[in-house]
Amino acid sequence: MSTPRPLALSALAQRTIERPPSRRFLFDDDFTSPEERARVRAKSAPIIPEPEVIVPSFSAEELAEARAEGLAEGRAAAQAEARAATEARLAAALEAIAARLVEARREAQLA
């Protein structure tokens, strides 16, 4: 049994068939008439309702009063929060001072 002879690369190149470049069909051709397109577009166009007119139910004075009330409530809440934070920092500082005093007393007794 004989072994097959290897083909030269040039022989493979001769075997290729020249094909024209193919054009992909993307379904982007529209065959409907302009009148038909306009009719379909008119049918499928969304109907936009008229916007509802909202009549203000509060007067300018009522709005100003509510705004002032909200600012006062916000200011009171911020002051309470600041007071709580200050008290927490003060308590932590006093605890640190007390711990340091206990340490100083022990060191003085040992000395």
Protein backbone atom coordinates (compact mmCIF):
# COMPACT_ATOMS: atom_id res chain seq x y z
CA MET A 1 0.00 0.00 0.00
CA SER A 2 1.41 3.35 -0.96
CA THR A 3 1.12 6.50 1.11
CA PRO A 4 -0.72 9.39 -0.51
CA ARG A 5 1.41 12.19 -1.76
CA PRO A 6 0.97 15.53 0.04
CA LEU A 7 -0.58 18.25 -2.07
CA ALA A 8 1.28 21.43 -2.65
CA LEU A 9 -0.32 24.61 -1.39
CA SER A 10 -0.50 25.95 -4.91
CA ALA A 11 -2.68 22.97 -5.88
CA LEU A 12 -5.13 23.86 -3.10
CA ALA A 13 -5.22 27.47 -4.22
CA GLN A 14 -6.17 26.37 -7.72
CA ARG A 15 -9.14 24.43 -6.39
CA THR A 16 -10.88 27.44 -4.83
CA ILE A 17 -13.90 28.61 -6.74
CA GLU A 18 -14.41 32.30 -7.23
CA ARG A 19 -17.88 33.23 -6.01
CA PRO A 20 -19.48 36.62 -6.27
CA PRO A 21 -20.03 38.29 -2.91
CA SER A 22 -23.42 37.34 -1.54
CA ARG A 23 -25.96 39.99 -0.59
CA ARG A 24 -27.78 39.36 2.64
CA PHE A 25 -31.53 39.68 2.54
CA LEU A 26 -32.47 41.81 5.54
CA PHE A 27 -36.20 42.18 4.83
CA ASP A 28 -35.77 45.93 4.57
CA ASP A 29 -37.46 46.29 1.20
CA ASP A 30 -40.96 47.72 1.52
CA PHE A 31 -43.27 46.86 -1.35
CA THR A 32 -46.40 48.65 -0.10
CA SER A 33 -47.60 51.76 -1.84
CA PRO A 34 -47.20 55.18 -0.17
CA GLU A 35 -50.98 55.46 0.15
CA GLU A 36 -51.19 52.10 1.93
CA ARG A 37 -48.34 53.08 4.28
CA ALA A 38 -50.12 56.35 5.13
CA ARG A 39 -53.38 54.49 5.81
CA VAL A 40 -51.68 51.96 8.11
CA ARG A 41 -49.78 54.72 9.89
CA ALA A 42 -53.01 56.66 10.47
CA LYS A 43 -54.69 53.56 11.93
CA SER A 44 -51.81 52.72 14.25
CA ALA A 45 -51.13 56.28 15.44
CA PRO A 46 -51.81 56.54 19.18
CA ILE A 47 -54.64 58.80 20.22
CA ILE A 48 -53.31 61.31 22.69
CA PRO A 49 -55.98 62.57 25.08
CA GLU A 50 -56.14 66.19 26.08
CA PRO A 51 -54.27 66.81 29.33
CA GLU A 52 -56.40 67.28 32.38
CA VAL A 53 -56.35 70.80 33.74
CA ILE A 54 -55.63 70.72 37.46
CA VAL A 55 -57.12 73.59 39.37
CA PRO A 56 -55.05 74.63 42.41
CA SER A 57 -56.83 73.67 45.61
CA PHE A 58 -54.68 75.74 47.99
CA SER A 59 -54.26 79.48 48.12
CA ALA A 60 -50.87 81.20 48.16
CA GLU A 61 -51.36 82.09 51.84
CA GLU A 62 -52.04 78.44 52.73
CA LEU A 63 -48.93 77.34 50.88
CA ALA A 64 -46.79 79.98 52.62
CA GLU A 65 -48.20 78.92 56.00
CA ALA A 66 -47.50 75.23 55.29
CA ARG A 67 -43.97 76.07 54.13
CA ALA A 68 -43.26 78.06 57.31
CA GLU A 69 -44.67 75.25 59.44
CA GLY A 70 -42.48 72.70 57.66
CA LEU A 71 -39.38 74.84 58.14
CA ALA A 72 -40.14 75.22 61.86
CA GLU A 73 -40.61 71.46 62.26
CA GLY A 74 -37.39 70.78 60.36
CA ARG A 75 -35.45 73.27 62.45
CA ALA A 76 -36.77 71.71 65.70
CA ALA A 77 -35.86 68.20 64.49
CA ALA A 78 -32.34 69.34 63.52
CA GLN A 79 -31.82 71.02 66.90
CA ALA A 80 -32.97 67.87 68.73
CA GLU A 81 -30.61 65.74 66.66
CA ALA A 82 -27.70 68.13 67.28
CA ARG A 83 -28.48 68.15 71.00
CA ALA A 84 -28.49 64.33 71.12
CA ALA A 85 -25.19 64.15 69.23
CA THR A 86 -23.59 66.72 71.56
CA GLU A 87 -24.79 64.82 74.62
CA ALA A 88 -23.39 61.56 73.22
CA ARG A 89 -19.98 63.19 72.57
CA LEU A 90 -20.03 64.72 76.07
CA ALA A 91 -20.84 61.35 77.68
CA ALA A 92 -18.00 59.66 75.73
CA ALA A 93 -15.57 62.41 76.79
CA LEU A 94 -16.60 62.09 80.46
CA GLU A 95 -16.16 58.31 80.32
CA ALA A 96 -12.67 58.75 78.85
CA ILE A 97 -11.78 61.27 81.57
CA ALA A 98 -13.09 58.94 84.29
CA ALA A 99 -11.08 56.01 82.90
CA ARG A 100 -7.94 58.14 82.76
CA LEU A 101 -8.48 59.32 86.37
CA VAL A 102 -8.79 55.70 87.51
CA GLU A 103 -5.51 54.91 85.72
CA ALA A 104 -3.79 57.94 87.26
CA ARG A 105 -4.97 56.95 90.77
CA ARG A 106 -3.55 53.40 90.31
CA GLU A 107 -0.24 54.76 89.06
CA ALA A 108 -0.06 57.16 92.01
CA GLN A 109 -0.71 54.34 94.49
CA LEU A 110 1.96 52.15 92.92
CA ALA A 111 4.53 54.90 92.94
